[in-house]
Amino acid sequence: MKIADKATSDDIAQGTDDSKWVTPKGLKDSNVGYQIGDILTTIRTDLGDKWALCNGASMDRNAFPELSNVMPKIPYPWSSKTISGIYITDSVYANGYWVVSGYGPDDSYGYIAYTTSITSSWTVKQINNSSILHITYQNGYFVASSKGTLLYTTDPSSNWSSVVDQDNYYNFGRIAYGNGYWVYCVEGRYDSNIFYSTNISGPYTSISLWGTSANTAPIRSVRFVNGYFVACGSKVVETNYVPSHQAIIAWSANPAITWTTKTLFTTLTAHNTNGNVMDIAYGRGIYMVVTNRTNSNGATPTVGIYYSSSLNGTWNYKQILQMAGAEGYTILFDGSLFLLMAFSGSGSYNSYAYYTPSITDWISYTIGSGRCYTMSYGPNFYIACPYNIIYYSDQTKLKLPSISTDQSYNYIKVKE
């Protein structure tokens, strides 16, 4: 036998060459072709440092890079941290800061809290006299939305400038930036108006996207995705006192010119039914929106997604959650996964983080009690924030499977 004909561990793992020879030690070291991420059931209690017991423990991703590639980052498991002095409405990560927005314990004044490390201390800061409902980061600015006021800064620890709405009554929605324009919607208005400017400080010009109606025509969100501003919302039109609830999107590359509108679905019947498009994300060549709908009196509310490869194309539907009090508000794409935040309940609530490794296969985790409207992500972390609690998923850790078998042990291969 020639040493050159001796099979390597890779040769044994591949199992495709029948012309090389194997020593007993080589066979033992190769674990008979097991690859990283494979699970082995045995009555033995020690397989060496290439294997880890499947006991649900956490491991450092950096210490096991090959296993890390097999087990991609997902929003799980979750830990929590309480921040005193603020009830949280939204969150964002940018420029090394985690920033959350919200309001004080008496439902007054507008606060933010910020930190450079989720698990360390957070600084709570009042920046407005009204509740802060949204926080985002666009074109070098942190931008916070409040009642009648839009606030912005390049550094959350510094002073914030403001833009005051002429009505000084409605709540600003999120603001989006793209193609040289700033665009925002105003929650609670009945006229489907968006507002745009080439400067964050204004002045802003308004344009109605799908007109007014007998009841409401609100815009819930505006995002800049794949070169387009996309507005999400609904319109209620009554015919012979029977309302038609139309869930609508509208889009334009230039907010100052024509917007194209499309109705994704319509719910008919009683006044307390509804159909809304709440938010949009784009990734992997797919546009995806989160929707809320109730089809008839007493029906169980449903959270779902519509998705399409073209804004003006055919949109397909997938139900995500159907439960009493179910509502979904935010959908994101983190570069790999679509992420959706929803909650359900009546009186007491649970919040759910959803993610999808494909378009239609969604996995959910109950992250905690309370109504959580949004999720955000940054380096190595996902966070979701109901009330004054920050739930966070630390992606620097790998969570091993937890598998038990009667009178035996399960191991996962972690390295060659």
Protein backbone atom coordinates (compact mmCIF):
# COMPACT_ATOMS: atom_id res chain seq x y z
CA MET A 1 0.00 0.00 0.00
CA LYS A 2 1.28 3.43 -0.93
CA ILE A 3 0.97 6.42 1.40
CA ALA A 4 -0.18 8.44 -1.62
CA ASP A 5 -3.20 6.14 -1.88
CA LYS A 6 -4.27 6.73 1.73
CA ALA A 7 -7.73 8.30 1.98
CA THR A 8 -8.01 11.70 3.64
CA SER A 9 -10.86 12.69 5.94
CA ASP A 10 -12.42 14.57 3.01
CA ASP A 11 -12.14 11.48 0.80
CA ILE A 12 -13.94 9.44 3.44
CA ALA A 13 -16.57 12.14 3.99
CA GLN A 14 -17.33 12.31 0.25
CA GLY A 15 -17.41 8.54 -0.07
CA THR A 16 -16.96 8.60 -3.87
CA ASP A 17 -13.49 7.01 -4.27
CA ASP A 18 -13.21 3.21 -3.88
CA SER A 19 -9.50 2.99 -4.80
CA LYS A 20 -7.94 4.35 -1.58
CA TRP A 21 -7.26 2.62 1.72
CA VAL A 22 -8.28 3.71 5.26
CA THR A 23 -6.63 3.04 8.61
CA PRO A 24 -8.77 2.27 11.67
CA LYS A 25 -7.67 5.63 13.14
CA GLY A 26 -8.61 7.42 9.93
CA LEU A 27 -12.00 5.81 9.99
CA LYS A 28 -12.50 6.84 13.61
CA ASP A 29 -11.28 10.42 13.03
CA SER A 30 -13.50 10.90 10.00
CA ASN A 31 -16.60 9.86 11.93
CA VAL A 32 -17.52 7.73 8.90
CA GLY A 33 -18.45 10.55 6.59
CA TYR A 34 -20.42 12.78 8.97
CA GLN A 35 -20.42 16.42 7.93
CA ILE A 36 -20.65 19.56 10.04
CA GLY A 37 -24.23 19.98 11.18
CA ASP A 38 -25.04 16.25 11.05
CA ILE A 39 -26.58 14.76 14.19
CA LEU A 40 -25.53 11.39 15.57
CA THR A 41 -27.43 9.29 18.11
CA THR A 42 -25.29 7.10 20.35
CA ILE A 43 -25.15 5.59 23.82
CA ARG A 44 -21.63 6.94 24.20
CA THR A 45 -21.14 10.02 26.37
CA ASP A 46 -17.96 11.45 24.80
CA LEU A 47 -17.27 11.83 21.06
CA GLY A 48 -14.42 14.29 21.41
CA ASP A 49 -14.17 18.00 20.62
CA LYS A 50 -15.56 17.64 17.09
CA TRP A 51 -19.00 16.94 18.47
CA ALA A 52 -21.28 18.86 20.85
CA LEU A 53 -24.12 17.45 22.91
CA CYS A 54 -27.54 18.57 21.68
CA ASN A 55 -28.61 20.17 24.95
CA GLY A 56 -29.91 23.56 23.78
CA ALA A 57 -26.81 25.40 25.02
CA SER A 58 -25.41 28.55 23.39
CA MET A 59 -22.08 28.60 21.57
CA ASP A 60 -19.95 31.41 20.18
CA ARG A 61 -20.48 31.70 16.41
CA ASN A 62 -16.94 32.95 15.83
CA ALA A 63 -15.52 29.83 17.46
CA PHE A 64 -17.37 27.57 15.01
CA PRO A 65 -17.44 29.39 11.65
CA GLU A 66 -18.31 26.30 9.58
CA LEU A 67 -21.22 25.42 11.85
CA SER A 68 -22.27 29.08 11.73
CA ASN A 69 -22.62 28.81 7.95
CA VAL A 70 -24.83 25.75 8.36
CA MET A 71 -26.97 27.46 11.02
CA PRO A 72 -27.78 30.91 9.54
CA LYS A 73 -28.83 33.91 11.60
CA ILE A 74 -32.52 33.92 12.53
CA PRO A 75 -34.43 35.99 15.12
CA TYR A 76 -34.17 33.43 17.92
CA PRO A 77 -33.59 32.86 20.85
CA TRP A 78 -34.79 36.02 22.64
CA SER A 79 -33.64 37.72 25.83
CA SER A 80 -35.08 40.85 27.41
CA LYS A 81 -34.01 44.11 28.99
CA THR A 82 -36.22 46.71 30.68
CA ILE A 83 -35.69 50.44 30.09
CA SER A 84 -37.21 52.69 32.74
CA GLY A 85 -38.87 55.98 31.84
CA ILE A 86 -40.04 55.24 28.30
CA TYR A 87 -42.80 53.23 26.65
CA ILE A 88 -41.35 52.15 23.31
CA THR A 89 -43.05 52.58 19.95
CA ASP A 90 -40.28 52.01 17.39
CA SER A 91 -36.58 51.22 17.01
CA VAL A 92 -33.70 51.60 14.58
CA TYR A 93 -29.97 50.87 14.32
CA ALA A 94 -27.57 53.21 12.49
CA ASN A 95 -24.11 54.76 12.84
CA GLY A 96 -23.23 52.60 15.82
CA TYR A 97 -26.38 53.56 17.80
CA TRP A 98 -29.43 51.61 18.77
CA VAL A 99 -32.26 54.14 19.16
CA VAL A 100 -35.84 53.62 20.34
CA SER A 101 -38.69 56.14 20.33
CA GLY A 102 -41.67 56.45 22.66
CA TYR A 103 -43.40 58.42 25.37
CA GLY A 104 -43.38 58.87 29.12
CA PRO A 105 -45.28 56.88 31.75
CA ASP A 106 -48.16 59.39 31.77
CA ASP A 107 -48.57 59.14 27.99
CA SER A 108 -47.09 62.58 27.53
CA TYR A 109 -43.90 64.07 26.14
CA GLY A 110 -41.77 62.50 23.47
CA TYR A 111 -38.73 60.47 24.40
CA ILE A 112 -35.95 58.55 22.75
CA ALA A 113 -33.46 56.19 24.33
CA TYR A 114 -30.11 55.30 22.79
CA THR A 115 -27.06 53.13 23.38
CA THR A 116 -24.08 51.69 21.54
CA SER A 117 -24.64 48.28 23.14
CA ILE A 118 -28.06 46.70 23.64
CA THR A 119 -27.08 44.90 26.81
CA SER A 120 -25.45 47.97 28.38
CA SER A 121 -27.10 51.08 29.84
CA TRP A 122 -29.49 53.20 27.75
CA THR A 123 -29.75 56.99 27.89
CA VAL A 124 -33.35 58.29 27.96
CA LYS A 125 -33.86 61.77 26.52
CA GLN A 126 -36.91 63.99 26.01
CA ILE A 127 -36.91 65.60 22.55
CA ASN A 128 -40.53 66.73 22.15
CA ASN A 129 -43.71 67.60 24.07
CA SER A 130 -45.77 64.90 22.30
CA SER A 131 -45.31 61.14 21.99
CA ILE A 132 -42.77 59.91 19.44
CA LEU A 133 -44.46 57.26 17.30
CA HIS A 134 -41.75 56.36 14.77
CA ILE A 135 -37.98 56.50 14.47
CA THR A 136 -35.98 55.84 11.31
CA TYR A 137 -32.61 56.61 9.74
CA GLN A 138 -32.51 58.11 6.26
CA ASN A 139 -29.79 59.88 4.25
CA GLY A 140 -27.57 60.56 7.28
CA TYR A 141 -30.37 61.62 9.65
CA PHE A 142 -32.20 60.02 12.53
CA VAL A 143 -35.82 61.11 11.98
CA ALA A 144 -38.54 60.91 14.65
CA SER A 145 -42.27 61.35 14.00
CA SER A 146 -44.69 62.91 16.47
CA LYS A 147 -48.02 64.72 16.63
CA GLY A 148 -47.68 67.71 14.34
CA THR A 149 -43.89 67.57 14.40
CA LEU A 150 -41.06 65.87 12.54
CA LEU A 151 -37.72 65.87 14.38
CA TYR A 152 -34.27 65.10 12.96
CA THR A 153 -30.60 64.98 13.93
CA THR A 154 -27.35 63.40 12.76
CA ASP A 155 -26.54 62.24 16.30
CA PRO A 156 -29.25 61.06 18.75
CA SER A 157 -27.29 62.40 21.71
CA SER A 158 -27.25 65.93 20.24
CA ASN A 159 -29.95 68.54 19.70
CA TRP A 160 -32.90 67.72 17.44
CA SER A 161 -34.31 70.12 14.83
CA SER A 162 -38.02 70.13 14.00
CA VAL A 163 -40.48 70.60 11.16
CA VAL A 164 -44.00 71.56 12.29
CA ASP A 165 -47.03 70.46 10.29
CA GLN A 166 -49.31 73.31 9.31
CA ASP A 167 -52.28 71.56 10.96
CA ASN A 168 -50.22 70.74 14.06
CA TYR A 169 -52.73 68.03 14.82
CA TYR A 170 -52.12 64.79 12.96
CA ASN A 171 -49.40 62.26 13.73
CA PHE A 172 -46.50 62.12 11.34
CA GLY A 173 -45.80 58.68 9.92
CA ARG A 174 -42.41 57.36 8.91
CA ILE A 175 -40.37 59.40 6.49
CA ALA A 176 -38.61 57.88 3.49
CA TYR A 177 -35.72 59.20 1.40
CA GLY A 178 -34.72 58.36 -2.16
CA ASN A 179 -33.98 59.84 -5.59
CA GLY A 180 -33.26 63.20 -3.92
CA TYR A 181 -36.65 63.49 -2.18
CA TRP A 182 -37.96 63.25 1.37
CA VAL A 183 -41.48 61.80 1.56
CA TYR A 184 -43.74 61.25 4.55
CA CYS A 185 -47.37 60.39 5.29
CA VAL A 186 -49.54 61.69 8.10
CA GLU A 187 -51.54 59.18 10.13
CA GLY A 188 -55.21 59.96 10.70
CA ARG A 189 -55.83 62.17 7.67
CA TYR A 190 -58.72 61.24 5.39
CA ASP A 191 -57.31 62.46 2.10
CA SER A 192 -54.54 59.94 1.23
CA ASN A 193 -52.04 62.78 1.13
CA ILE A 194 -48.29 62.36 1.10
CA PHE A 195 -45.83 65.23 1.51
CA TYR A 196 -42.54 65.65 -0.32
CA SER A 197 -39.52 67.97 -0.39
CA THR A 198 -35.95 68.02 -1.63
CA ASN A 199 -34.84 69.22 1.85
CA ILE A 200 -35.57 67.52 5.12
CA SER A 201 -36.41 70.92 6.64
CA GLY A 202 -38.95 71.64 3.89
CA PRO A 203 -40.99 73.29 2.63
CA TYR A 204 -43.14 70.22 1.86
CA THR A 205 -45.71 69.94 -0.92
CA SER A 206 -48.75 67.67 -0.59
CA ILE A 207 -50.31 65.39 -3.17
CA SER A 208 -53.35 63.12 -2.81
CA LEU A 209 -52.66 59.59 -4.05
CA TRP A 210 -56.11 58.02 -4.19
CA GLY A 211 -58.42 60.86 -3.22
CA THR A 212 -60.83 61.35 -0.36
CA SER A 213 -63.82 59.21 0.50
CA ALA A 214 -67.00 59.27 2.55
CA ASN A 215 -65.16 57.74 5.49
CA THR A 216 -61.40 57.37 5.43
CA ALA A 217 -58.54 57.03 2.98
CA PRO A 218 -55.50 56.76 5.27
CA ILE A 219 -51.92 56.02 4.29
CA ARG A 220 -50.27 53.73 6.83
CA SER A 221 -46.67 53.75 5.64
CA VAL A 222 -44.35 55.11 2.96
CA ARG A 223 -41.13 53.30 2.07
CA PHE A 224 -38.48 53.76 -0.61
CA VAL A 225 -37.85 50.30 -2.07
CA ASN A 226 -36.10 49.23 -5.28
CA GLY A 227 -36.07 52.76 -6.70
CA TYR A 228 -39.71 53.57 -5.90
CA PHE A 229 -41.60 55.37 -3.17
CA VAL A 230 -44.42 53.03 -2.22
CA ALA A 231 -47.36 54.15 -0.09
CA CYS A 232 -49.49 51.57 1.73
CA GLY A 233 -53.01 52.12 2.99
CA SER A 234 -56.72 51.76 2.37
CA LYS A 235 -59.83 53.52 1.20
CA VAL A 236 -63.44 53.17 2.31
CA VAL A 237 -66.15 53.87 -0.24
CA GLU A 238 -69.86 53.53 0.53
CA THR A 239 -72.46 52.55 -2.04
CA ASN A 240 -76.05 52.57 -0.77
CA TYR A 241 -74.64 52.70 2.78
CA VAL A 242 -72.62 49.51 2.27
CA PRO A 243 -68.88 50.14 2.69
CA SER A 244 -66.25 48.76 0.39
CA HIS A 245 -62.85 48.51 2.11
CA GLN A 246 -60.12 48.66 -0.50
CA ALA A 247 -56.54 47.78 0.43
CA ILE A 248 -54.31 49.91 -1.80
CA ILE A 249 -50.70 50.59 -2.70
CA ALA A 250 -49.39 53.49 -4.81
CA TRP A 251 -45.90 54.06 -6.20
CA SER A 252 -43.74 56.56 -8.05
CA ALA A 253 -40.02 57.07 -8.62
CA ASN A 254 -40.64 60.82 -8.41
CA PRO A 255 -43.16 61.86 -5.75
CA ALA A 256 -43.92 65.14 -7.54
CA ILE A 257 -45.40 63.44 -10.60
CA THR A 258 -47.93 60.71 -11.36
CA TRP A 259 -48.40 57.90 -8.88
CA THR A 260 -49.72 54.51 -9.99
CA THR A 261 -52.29 52.88 -7.70
CA LYS A 262 -53.32 49.26 -7.33
CA THR A 263 -56.01 47.65 -5.15
CA LEU A 264 -54.73 44.36 -3.74
CA PHE A 265 -58.02 43.21 -2.22
CA THR A 266 -61.46 44.43 -1.19
CA THR A 267 -63.61 43.51 1.79
CA LEU A 268 -67.34 44.13 1.64
CA THR A 269 -70.14 44.05 4.25
CA ALA A 270 -70.51 45.76 7.59
CA HIS A 271 -68.90 48.94 8.92
CA ASN A 272 -66.58 47.19 11.35
CA THR A 273 -64.88 45.06 8.73
CA ASN A 274 -61.62 46.30 7.31
CA GLY A 275 -58.84 45.77 4.83
CA ASN A 276 -55.50 47.55 5.10
CA VAL A 277 -52.04 47.40 3.59
CA MET A 278 -49.74 48.32 6.47
CA ASP A 279 -46.14 48.16 5.24
CA ILE A 280 -43.91 47.01 2.36
CA ALA A 281 -40.43 45.51 1.95
CA TYR A 282 -38.37 44.42 -1.05
CA GLY A 283 -35.77 41.67 -1.34
CA ARG A 284 -34.69 38.77 -3.54
CA GLY A 285 -36.59 40.32 -6.44
CA ILE A 286 -39.88 40.26 -4.50
CA TYR A 287 -42.13 43.03 -3.21
CA MET A 288 -43.97 41.95 -0.05
CA VAL A 289 -46.63 43.76 1.98
CA VAL A 290 -48.23 42.93 5.33
CA THR A 291 -52.01 43.25 5.49
CA ASN A 292 -54.78 43.19 8.09
CA ARG A 293 -58.30 42.15 7.20
CA THR A 294 -61.65 41.18 8.73
CA ASN A 295 -64.04 39.82 6.14
CA SER A 296 -67.35 39.90 8.02
CA ASN A 297 -69.02 40.79 11.31
CA GLY A 298 -67.58 38.69 14.12
CA ALA A 299 -64.93 37.13 11.88
CA THR A 300 -61.50 36.39 13.31
CA PRO A 301 -58.97 39.05 12.21
CA THR A 302 -56.28 37.85 9.83
CA VAL A 303 -52.71 39.00 9.26
CA GLY A 304 -51.31 38.05 5.87
CA ILE A 305 -48.83 38.93 3.17
CA TYR A 306 -49.22 39.71 -0.51
CA TYR A 307 -46.15 39.29 -2.69
CA SER A 308 -45.22 39.94 -6.31
CA SER A 309 -42.16 40.30 -8.52
CA SER A 310 -43.69 43.49 -9.97
CA LEU A 311 -45.60 46.33 -8.34
CA ASN A 312 -48.08 46.33 -11.21
CA GLY A 313 -48.10 42.55 -11.60
CA THR A 314 -50.08 39.73 -10.05
CA TRP A 315 -49.98 39.62 -6.24
CA ASN A 316 -50.29 36.31 -4.39
CA TYR A 317 -51.63 35.92 -0.86
CA LYS A 318 -50.40 33.96 2.15
CA GLN A 319 -52.17 33.91 5.53
CA ILE A 320 -49.75 34.34 8.43
CA LEU A 321 -51.85 34.68 11.58
CA GLN A 322 -55.56 34.30 12.31
CA MET A 323 -56.47 34.93 15.92
CA ALA A 324 -58.57 37.23 18.10
CA GLY A 325 -57.14 40.73 18.02
CA ALA A 326 -54.50 39.82 15.42
CA GLU A 327 -52.69 42.76 13.82
CA GLY A 328 -49.52 43.07 11.79
CA TYR A 329 -47.70 46.35 11.23
CA THR A 330 -44.11 46.01 10.07
CA ILE A 331 -42.37 43.95 7.41
CA LEU A 332 -38.62 44.18 6.71
CA PHE A 333 -35.94 42.53 4.59
CA ASP A 334 -32.57 42.21 6.33
CA GLY A 335 -30.58 41.16 3.28
CA SER A 336 -31.36 37.49 3.78
CA LEU A 337 -34.75 37.06 5.46
CA PHE A 338 -38.12 38.74 5.33
CA LEU A 339 -39.17 39.66 8.88
CA LEU A 340 -42.69 40.40 10.10
CA MET A 341 -43.94 41.66 13.46
CA ALA A 342 -47.48 40.93 14.67
CA PHE A 343 -49.48 40.58 17.87
CA SER A 344 -52.83 39.22 19.01
CA GLY A 345 -55.06 39.27 22.06
CA SER A 346 -57.72 41.25 23.86
CA GLY A 347 -56.86 42.92 27.15
CA SER A 348 -53.63 40.94 27.30
CA TYR A 349 -51.50 40.46 24.22
CA ASN A 350 -48.65 38.39 22.84
CA SER A 351 -46.18 39.57 20.22
CA TYR A 352 -44.78 37.33 17.51
CA ALA A 353 -41.66 37.60 15.37
CA TYR A 354 -41.97 35.86 12.00
CA TYR A 355 -39.28 35.09 9.50
CA THR A 356 -39.25 33.23 6.22
CA PRO A 357 -36.43 31.20 4.66
CA SER A 358 -38.58 31.15 1.50
CA ILE A 359 -41.48 33.26 0.32
CA THR A 360 -44.32 31.12 1.64
CA ASP A 361 -42.82 29.12 4.53
CA TRP A 362 -42.98 31.28 7.66
CA ILE A 363 -41.67 30.41 11.12
CA SER A 364 -42.86 32.26 14.22
CA TYR A 365 -41.65 32.77 17.77
CA THR A 366 -43.59 34.25 20.66
CA ILE A 367 -41.17 36.84 21.92
CA GLY A 368 -43.15 38.14 24.91
CA SER A 369 -46.29 39.76 26.21
CA GLY A 370 -47.57 43.13 25.00
CA ARG A 371 -48.31 44.74 21.65
CA CYS A 372 -45.17 45.15 19.60
CA TYR A 373 -45.59 47.08 16.36
CA THR A 374 -42.10 47.01 14.92
CA MET A 375 -38.86 45.05 14.67
CA SER A 376 -35.40 46.24 13.68
CA TYR A 377 -31.99 44.72 13.12
CA GLY A 378 -28.34 45.66 13.28
CA PRO A 379 -24.97 43.93 13.55
CA ASN A 380 -25.57 40.61 15.31
CA PHE A 381 -28.91 41.60 16.84
CA TYR A 382 -32.63 41.68 16.15
CA ILE A 383 -34.77 43.71 18.54
CA ALA A 384 -38.51 44.08 19.22
CA CYS A 385 -39.92 46.43 21.83
CA PRO A 386 -43.39 46.15 23.39
CA TYR A 387 -44.02 48.66 26.20
CA ASN A 388 -40.79 49.40 28.10
CA ILE A 389 -39.11 46.05 27.37
CA ILE A 390 -36.51 45.43 24.71
CA TYR A 391 -36.50 41.86 23.47
CA TYR A 392 -33.32 41.06 21.62
CA SER A 393 -31.92 38.09 19.76
CA ASP A 394 -28.13 37.83 20.03
CA GLN A 395 -26.79 36.44 16.77
CA THR A 396 -23.22 36.19 18.06
CA LYS A 397 -24.46 32.98 19.69
CA LEU A 398 -25.41 29.64 18.19
CA LYS A 399 -28.18 27.78 19.95
CA LEU A 400 -27.60 24.04 19.74
CA PRO A 401 -30.55 21.76 19.04
CA SER A 402 -32.20 20.24 22.08
CA ILE A 403 -32.93 16.61 21.28
CA SER A 404 -33.56 13.82 23.76
CA THR A 405 -33.73 10.12 23.01
CA ASP A 406 -34.48 7.35 25.46
CA GLN A 407 -31.29 5.80 26.89
CA SER A 408 -29.05 7.48 24.32
CA TYR A 409 -27.49 10.86 23.48
CA ASN A 410 -27.61 13.14 20.45
CA TYR A 411 -24.53 14.99 19.22
CA ILE A 412 -24.08 17.52 16.45
CA LYS A 413 -20.83 17.68 14.50
CA VAL A 414 -19.34 21.16 15.03
CA LYS A 415 -15.96 21.01 13.31
CA GLU A 416 -13.71 18.79 11.17
